Amino acid sequence: MGDPWAEGIGYLAAALVFITFSMRTMVPLRLVAMASNIAFIGYGYVGGMAPIFILHLGLLPLNAWRLQQVLQLLRRVRSATNGDLSFDSLLPHASLRSYENGATIFCKGDAARELFLITAGTVRLTELNVEVSDGGIIGEIGVFSPHKARLATAVAITPVDLMAIAEDRVIALCNDNHELGFYLISLITQRMVANFENLERRVVGAARARSC
């Protein structure tokens, strides 16, 4: 019969690994993963199982490093959004992208299959003559439009870092997080009103020019 201490630690470590597979957000997942690493290190040491001990001795700092990366990204996102809305739940579903100054992020008429949260830099929506900076979201109108097409071209006017979230994930997250859904509705409404006011100013300006 094996050492009951070793068996108990082993079962605890296995339970923690099982829990990680049911977690959806990155910070708790990494914390539980680190706890499982510590349990497996104890299990390997008490049970005299060198491969398990060495494996998790190496995985522990790796998980700690990944946790630090996630926490740094969260700080950047919270700083960019001024704490108005928590985007923590978006992180597991987002891909990070970077663009150089002058790069085109998407063009008017392109298929709209994802929206973008700007974490650093400034983007110009050329047809709308609008600039969006840190904490702003772009591409949301196209994602929710009937034809799923971009309404304007987005160009980086500084080096830009983005979090890209796929359309299906956005819809699922809005269903799970009503705060995010209301935020996007409010944002789309603001953009549509601003677009209408911009169009109205152009029409009035053109009419005045013709009357001169």
C-alpha atoms as a PDB file:
ATOM      1  CA  MET A   1       0.000   0.000   0.000  1.00  0.00           C
ATOM      2  CA  GLY A   2       1.387   3.428  -0.955  1.00  0.00           C
ATOM      3  CA  ASP A   3       2.120   6.359   1.285  1.00  0.00           C
ATOM      4  CA  PRO A   4      -1.279   7.887   2.192  1.00  0.00           C
ATOM      5  CA  TRP A   5       0.270  11.379   2.230  1.00  0.00           C
ATOM      6  CA  ALA A   6       1.584  10.931  -1.306  1.00  0.00           C
ATOM      7  CA  GLU A   7      -1.760   9.548  -2.492  1.00  0.00           C
ATOM      8  CA  GLY A   8      -3.661  12.435  -0.906  1.00  0.00           C
ATOM      9  CA  ILE A   9      -1.403  15.011  -2.524  1.00  0.00           C
ATOM     10  CA  GLY A  10      -1.711  13.174  -5.840  1.00  0.00           C
ATOM     11  CA  TYR A  11      -5.518  13.233  -5.726  1.00  0.00           C
ATOM     12  CA  LEU A  12      -5.454  16.929  -4.827  1.00  0.00           C
ATOM     13  CA  ALA A  13      -3.136  17.676  -7.752  1.00  0.00           C
ATOM     14  CA  ALA A  14      -5.363  15.697 -10.131  1.00  0.00           C
ATOM     15  CA  ALA A  15      -8.471  17.532  -8.872  1.00  0.00           C
ATOM     16  CA  LEU A  16      -6.805  20.895  -9.480  1.00  0.00           C
ATOM     17  CA  VAL A  17      -5.907  19.895 -13.035  1.00  0.00           C
ATOM     18  CA  PHE A  18      -9.526  18.850 -13.605  1.00  0.00           C
ATOM     19  CA  ILE A  19     -10.718  22.249 -12.320  1.00  0.00           C
ATOM     20  CA  THR A  20      -8.479  24.105 -14.806  1.00  0.00           C
ATOM     21  CA  PHE A  21     -10.335  22.472 -17.706  1.00  0.00           C
ATOM     22  CA  SER A  22     -13.629  23.959 -16.497  1.00  0.00           C
ATOM     23  CA  MET A  23     -12.313  27.529 -16.173  1.00  0.00           C
ATOM     24  CA  ARG A  24     -12.919  30.194 -18.824  1.00  0.00           C
ATOM     25  CA  THR A  25     -10.937  33.190 -17.576  1.00  0.00           C
ATOM     26  CA  MET A  26      -7.176  33.310 -17.684  1.00  0.00           C
ATOM     27  CA  VAL A  27      -6.150  34.689 -14.289  1.00  0.00           C
ATOM     28  CA  PRO A  28      -8.009  32.082 -12.152  1.00  0.00           C
ATOM     29  CA  LEU A  29      -6.939  29.361 -14.591  1.00  0.00           C
ATOM     30  CA  ARG A  30      -3.244  30.238 -14.212  1.00  0.00           C
ATOM     31  CA  LEU A  31      -3.564  30.479 -10.419  1.00  0.00           C
ATOM     32  CA  VAL A  32      -5.181  27.045 -10.171  1.00  0.00           C
ATOM     33  CA  ALA A  33      -2.605  25.645 -12.614  1.00  0.00           C
ATOM     34  CA  MET A  34       0.173  26.951 -10.361  1.00  0.00           C
ATOM     35  CA  ALA A  35      -1.529  25.358  -7.344  1.00  0.00           C
ATOM     36  CA  SER A  36      -1.652  22.040  -9.218  1.00  0.00           C
ATOM     37  CA  ASN A  37       2.054  22.399 -10.067  1.00  0.00           C
ATOM     38  CA  ILE A  38       2.881  22.884  -6.382  1.00  0.00           C
ATOM     39  CA  ALA A  39       0.753  19.865  -5.448  1.00  0.00           C
ATOM     40  CA  PHE A  40       2.436  17.713  -8.105  1.00  0.00           C
ATOM     41  CA  ILE A  41       5.864  18.864  -6.930  1.00  0.00           C
ATOM     42  CA  GLY A  42       4.942  17.687  -3.426  1.00  0.00           C
ATOM     43  CA  TYR A  43       3.494  14.469  -4.843  1.00  0.00           C
ATOM     44  CA  GLY A  44       6.616  13.762  -6.861  1.00  0.00           C
ATOM     45  CA  TYR A  45       8.904  14.550  -3.941  1.00  0.00           C
ATOM     46  CA  VAL A  46       7.036  12.531  -1.295  1.00  0.00           C
ATOM     47  CA  GLY A  47       6.406   9.643  -3.679  1.00  0.00           C
ATOM     48  CA  GLY A  48       9.942   9.607  -5.036  1.00  0.00           C
ATOM     49  CA  MET A  49       8.739  10.152  -8.644  1.00  0.00           C
ATOM     50  CA  ALA A  50      11.500  12.233 -10.223  1.00  0.00           C
ATOM     51  CA  PRO A  51       9.874  12.754 -13.676  1.00  0.00           C
ATOM     52  CA  ILE A  52       6.706  14.265 -12.154  1.00  0.00           C
ATOM     53  CA  PHE A  53       8.761  16.339  -9.715  1.00  0.00           C
ATOM     54  CA  ILE A  54      11.027  17.744 -12.458  1.00  0.00           C
ATOM     55  CA  LEU A  55       8.169  18.352 -14.923  1.00  0.00           C
ATOM     56  CA  HIS A  56       6.119  20.468 -12.539  1.00  0.00           C
ATOM     57  CA  LEU A  57       9.192  22.160 -11.131  1.00  0.00           C
ATOM     58  CA  GLY A  58       9.631  23.484 -14.672  1.00  0.00           C
ATOM     59  CA  LEU A  59       5.924  24.196 -15.304  1.00  0.00           C
ATOM     60  CA  LEU A  60       5.501  26.302 -12.154  1.00  0.00           C
ATOM     61  CA  PRO A  61       7.690  29.240 -13.305  1.00  0.00           C
ATOM     62  CA  LEU A  62       6.220  28.945 -16.808  1.00  0.00           C
ATOM     63  CA  ASN A  63       2.684  29.352 -15.457  1.00  0.00           C
ATOM     64  CA  ALA A  64       3.876  32.210 -13.223  1.00  0.00           C
ATOM     65  CA  TRP A  65       5.372  33.937 -16.275  1.00  0.00           C
ATOM     66  CA  ARG A  66       2.152  33.496 -18.282  1.00  0.00           C
ATOM     67  CA  LEU A  67       0.132  34.848 -15.340  1.00  0.00           C
ATOM     68  CA  GLN A  68       2.359  37.917 -15.237  1.00  0.00           C
ATOM     69  CA  GLN A  69       1.790  38.465 -18.979  1.00  0.00           C
ATOM     70  CA  VAL A  70      -2.000  38.267 -18.515  1.00  0.00           C
ATOM     71  CA  LEU A  71      -1.902  40.668 -15.557  1.00  0.00           C
ATOM     72  CA  GLN A  72       0.182  43.149 -17.566  1.00  0.00           C
ATOM     73  CA  LEU A  73      -2.305  42.967 -20.432  1.00  0.00           C
ATOM     74  CA  LEU A  74      -5.222  43.463 -18.031  1.00  0.00           C
ATOM     75  CA  ARG A  75      -3.536  46.555 -16.609  1.00  0.00           C
ATOM     76  CA  ARG A  76      -3.092  47.925 -20.123  1.00  0.00           C
ATOM     77  CA  VAL A  77      -6.721  47.240 -21.030  1.00  0.00           C
ATOM     78  CA  ARG A  78      -8.051  48.759 -17.787  1.00  0.00           C
ATOM     79  CA  SER A  79      -5.821  51.791 -18.245  1.00  0.00           C
ATOM     80  CA  ALA A  80      -6.983  52.177 -21.845  1.00  0.00           C
ATOM     81  CA  THR A  81     -10.669  51.946 -20.923  1.00  0.00           C
ATOM     82  CA  ASN A  82     -10.318  54.119 -17.788  1.00  0.00           C
ATOM     83  CA  GLY A  83     -11.943  51.362 -15.754  1.00  0.00           C
ATOM     84  CA  ASP A  84     -15.398  52.029 -17.257  1.00  0.00           C
ATOM     85  CA  LEU A  85     -15.893  48.431 -18.338  1.00  0.00           C
ATOM     86  CA  SER A  86     -14.100  45.211 -17.463  1.00  0.00           C
ATOM     87  CA  PHE A  87     -12.846  43.363 -20.527  1.00  0.00           C
ATOM     88  CA  ASP A  88     -11.329  40.510 -18.485  1.00  0.00           C
ATOM     89  CA  SER A  89     -13.754  37.994 -19.969  1.00  0.00           C
ATOM     90  CA  LEU A  90     -12.613  38.879 -23.493  1.00  0.00           C
ATOM     91  CA  LEU A  91      -8.983  37.886 -22.984  1.00  0.00           C
ATOM     92  CA  PRO A  92      -9.329  34.110 -23.462  1.00  0.00           C
ATOM     93  CA  HIS A  93     -11.122  34.759 -26.771  1.00  0.00           C
ATOM     94  CA  ALA A  94      -8.946  37.572 -28.152  1.00  0.00           C
ATOM     95  CA  SER A  95      -5.947  37.478 -30.436  1.00  0.00           C
ATOM     96  CA  LEU A  96      -3.369  40.221 -30.011  1.00  0.00           C
ATOM     97  CA  ARG A  97      -2.270  42.118 -33.116  1.00  0.00           C
ATOM     98  CA  SER A  98       0.122  44.966 -33.810  1.00  0.00           C
ATOM     99  CA  TYR A  99       0.190  47.397 -36.760  1.00  0.00           C
ATOM    100  CA  GLU A 100       2.819  49.878 -37.868  1.00  0.00           C
ATOM    101  CA  ASN A 101       2.064  53.533 -38.528  1.00  0.00           C
ATOM    102  CA  GLY A 102       0.194  53.790 -41.849  1.00  0.00           C
ATOM    103  CA  ALA A 103      -0.931  50.156 -41.954  1.00  0.00           C
ATOM    104  CA  THR A 104      -4.494  49.381 -43.077  1.00  0.00           C
ATOM    105  CA  ILE A 105      -6.389  47.328 -40.500  1.00  0.00           C
ATOM    106  CA  PHE A 106      -9.442  46.792 -42.702  1.00  0.00           C
ATOM    107  CA  CYS A 107     -11.009  48.402 -45.763  1.00  0.00           C
ATOM    108  CA  LYS A 108     -14.528  49.626 -46.456  1.00  0.00           C
ATOM    109  CA  GLY A 109     -16.571  46.738 -47.853  1.00  0.00           C
ATOM    110  CA  ASP A 110     -14.416  43.997 -46.291  1.00  0.00           C
ATOM    111  CA  ALA A 111     -16.197  41.176 -44.495  1.00  0.00           C
ATOM    112  CA  ALA A 112     -16.735  42.115 -40.844  1.00  0.00           C
ATOM    113  CA  ARG A 113     -15.905  38.983 -38.865  1.00  0.00           C
ATOM    114  CA  GLU A 114     -14.380  40.524 -35.734  1.00  0.00           C
ATOM    115  CA  LEU A 115     -14.265  43.705 -33.682  1.00  0.00           C
ATOM    116  CA  PHE A 116     -11.176  45.323 -32.208  1.00  0.00           C
ATOM    117  CA  LEU A 117     -10.339  46.871 -28.842  1.00  0.00           C
ATOM    118  CA  ILE A 118      -7.476  49.355 -29.134  1.00  0.00           C
ATOM    119  CA  THR A 119      -5.006  48.934 -26.255  1.00  0.00           C
ATOM    120  CA  ALA A 120      -2.352  51.320 -27.595  1.00  0.00           C
ATOM    121  CA  GLY A 121      -2.174  53.864 -30.412  1.00  0.00           C
ATOM    122  CA  THR A 122      -4.670  55.688 -32.617  1.00  0.00           C
ATOM    123  CA  VAL A 123      -6.743  54.532 -35.622  1.00  0.00           C
ATOM    124  CA  ARG A 124      -8.445  56.749 -38.204  1.00  0.00           C
ATOM    125  CA  LEU A 125     -11.739  55.718 -39.812  1.00  0.00           C
ATOM    126  CA  THR A 126     -11.078  57.532 -43.062  1.00  0.00           C
ATOM    127  CA  GLU A 127     -14.549  57.835 -44.619  1.00  0.00           C
ATOM    128  CA  LEU A 128     -16.003  59.010 -41.312  1.00  0.00           C
ATOM    129  CA  ASN A 129     -13.107  61.351 -40.505  1.00  0.00           C
ATOM    130  CA  VAL A 130     -13.007  59.913 -36.980  1.00  0.00           C
ATOM    131  CA  GLU A 131      -9.993  59.004 -34.830  1.00  0.00           C
ATOM    132  CA  VAL A 132     -10.215  56.301 -32.158  1.00  0.00           C
ATOM    133  CA  SER A 133      -7.511  55.874 -29.513  1.00  0.00           C
ATOM    134  CA  ASP A 134      -6.645  53.726 -26.463  1.00  0.00           C
ATOM    135  CA  GLY A 135      -9.702  51.995 -25.014  1.00  0.00           C
ATOM    136  CA  GLY A 136     -11.809  52.558 -28.125  1.00  0.00           C
ATOM    137  CA  ILE A 137     -13.567  49.832 -30.059  1.00  0.00           C
ATOM    138  CA  ILE A 138     -13.674  49.713 -33.847  1.00  0.00           C
ATOM    139  CA  GLY A 139     -15.446  47.382 -36.255  1.00  0.00           C
ATOM    140  CA  GLU A 140     -18.483  46.855 -34.037  1.00  0.00           C
ATOM    141  CA  ILE A 141     -21.065  48.255 -36.484  1.00  0.00           C
ATOM    142  CA  GLY A 142     -19.971  45.930 -39.282  1.00  0.00           C
ATOM    143  CA  VAL A 143     -20.114  42.901 -36.976  1.00  0.00           C
ATOM    144  CA  PHE A 144     -23.748  43.601 -36.066  1.00  0.00           C
ATOM    145  CA  SER A 145     -24.861  44.880 -39.477  1.00  0.00           C
ATOM    146  CA  PRO A 146     -27.102  42.685 -41.692  1.00  0.00           C
ATOM    147  CA  HIS A 147     -24.520  42.436 -44.493  1.00  0.00           C
ATOM    148  CA  LYS A 148     -21.521  41.915 -42.179  1.00  0.00           C
ATOM    149  CA  ALA A 149     -19.444  44.455 -44.111  1.00  0.00           C
ATOM    150  CA  ARG A 150     -17.091  47.217 -43.003  1.00  0.00           C
ATOM    151  CA  LEU A 151     -18.583  50.697 -43.291  1.00  0.00           C
ATOM    152  CA  ALA A 152     -15.238  52.512 -43.340  1.00  0.00           C
ATOM    153  CA  THR A 153     -11.524  51.947 -43.805  1.00  0.00           C
ATOM    154  CA  ALA A 154      -9.433  51.795 -40.610  1.00  0.00           C
ATOM    155  CA  VAL A 155      -5.831  52.994 -40.832  1.00  0.00           C
ATOM    156  CA  ALA A 156      -3.243  53.090 -38.035  1.00  0.00           C
ATOM    157  CA  ILE A 157      -1.940  56.658 -37.719  1.00  0.00           C
ATOM    158  CA  THR A 158       0.479  55.595 -34.959  1.00  0.00           C
ATOM    159  CA  PRO A 159       1.854  52.170 -34.036  1.00  0.00           C
ATOM    160  CA  VAL A 160      -1.242  50.327 -32.804  1.00  0.00           C
ATOM    161  CA  ASP A 161      -1.911  47.296 -30.589  1.00  0.00           C
ATOM    162  CA  LEU A 162      -5.323  45.635 -30.821  1.00  0.00           C
ATOM    163  CA  MET A 163      -7.298  42.845 -29.234  1.00  0.00           C
ATOM    164  CA  ALA A 164      -9.305  41.129 -31.996  1.00  0.00           C
ATOM    165  CA  ILE A 165     -12.428  39.195 -30.968  1.00  0.00           C
ATOM    166  CA  ALA A 166     -14.243  37.002 -33.492  1.00  0.00           C
ATOM    167  CA  GLU A 167     -17.894  37.704 -34.311  1.00  0.00           C
ATOM    168  CA  ASP A 168     -19.247  34.482 -32.817  1.00  0.00           C
ATOM    169  CA  ARG A 169     -17.346  35.068 -29.577  1.00  0.00           C
ATOM    170  CA  VAL A 170     -18.639  38.657 -29.374  1.00  0.00           C
ATOM    171  CA  ILE A 171     -22.235  37.445 -29.669  1.00  0.00           C
ATOM    172  CA  ALA A 172     -21.691  34.699 -27.088  1.00  0.00           C
ATOM    173  CA  LEU A 173     -20.008  37.105 -24.683  1.00  0.00           C
ATOM    174  CA  CYS A 174     -22.817  39.648 -25.056  1.00  0.00           C
ATOM    175  CA  ASN A 175     -25.267  36.885 -24.156  1.00  0.00           C
ATOM    176  CA  ASP A 176     -23.228  36.000 -21.047  1.00  0.00           C
ATOM    177  CA  ASN A 177     -22.259  39.555 -20.106  1.00  0.00           C
ATOM    178  CA  HIS A 178     -25.180  41.966 -20.429  1.00  0.00           C
ATOM    179  CA  GLU A 179     -22.977  44.864 -19.345  1.00  0.00           C
ATOM    180  CA  LEU A 180     -20.819  44.318 -22.430  1.00  0.00           C
ATOM    181  CA  GLY A 181     -23.918  44.045 -24.626  1.00  0.00           C
ATOM    182  CA  PHE A 182     -25.325  47.360 -23.355  1.00  0.00           C
ATOM    183  CA  TYR A 183     -21.920  48.983 -23.771  1.00  0.00           C
ATOM    184  CA  LEU A 184     -21.762  47.930 -27.432  1.00  0.00           C
ATOM    185  CA  ILE A 185     -25.353  49.067 -28.066  1.00  0.00           C
ATOM    186  CA  SER A 186     -24.511  52.458 -26.573  1.00  0.00           C
ATOM    187  CA  LEU A 187     -21.294  52.662 -28.601  1.00  0.00           C
ATOM    188  CA  ILE A 188     -23.021  51.750 -31.880  1.00  0.00           C
ATOM    189  CA  THR A 189     -25.750  54.318 -31.185  1.00  0.00           C
ATOM    190  CA  GLN A 190     -23.162  57.026 -30.500  1.00  0.00           C
ATOM    191  CA  ARG A 191     -21.303  56.164 -33.702  1.00  0.00           C
ATOM    192  CA  MET A 192     -24.483  56.196 -35.778  1.00  0.00           C
ATOM    193  CA  VAL A 193     -25.531  59.571 -34.335  1.00  0.00           C
ATOM    194  CA  ALA A 194     -22.054  60.985 -34.973  1.00  0.00           C
ATOM    195  CA  ASN A 195     -22.135  59.626 -38.552  1.00  0.00           C
ATOM    196  CA  PHE A 196     -25.558  61.217 -39.122  1.00  0.00           C
ATOM    197  CA  GLU A 197     -24.401  64.567 -37.734  1.00  0.00           C
ATOM    198  CA  ASN A 198     -21.261  64.417 -39.886  1.00  0.00           C
ATOM    199  CA  LEU A 199     -23.372  63.689 -42.991  1.00  0.00           C
ATOM    200  CA  GLU A 200     -25.776  66.488 -42.076  1.00  0.00           C
ATOM    201  CA  ARG A 201     -22.895  68.967 -41.794  1.00  0.00           C
ATOM    202  CA  ARG A 202     -21.584  67.898 -45.214  1.00  0.00           C
ATOM    203  CA  VAL A 203     -25.010  68.298 -46.837  1.00  0.00           C
ATOM    204  CA  VAL A 204     -25.505  71.752 -45.291  1.00  0.00           C
ATOM    205  CA  GLY A 205     -21.989  72.775 -46.325  1.00  0.00           C
ATOM    206  CA  ALA A 206     -22.545  71.602 -49.884  1.00  0.00           C
ATOM    207  CA  ALA A 207     -25.897  73.438 -50.056  1.00  0.00           C
ATOM    208  CA  ARG A 208     -24.302  76.662 -48.843  1.00  0.00           C
ATOM    209  CA  ALA A 209     -21.485  76.293 -51.359  1.00  0.00           C
ATOM    210  CA  ARG A 210     -23.998  75.924 -54.226  1.00  0.00           C
ATOM    211  CA  SER A 211     -25.960  78.976 -53.071  1.00  0.00           C
ATOM    212  CA  CYS A 212     -22.875  81.231 -53.132  1.00  0.00           C
END
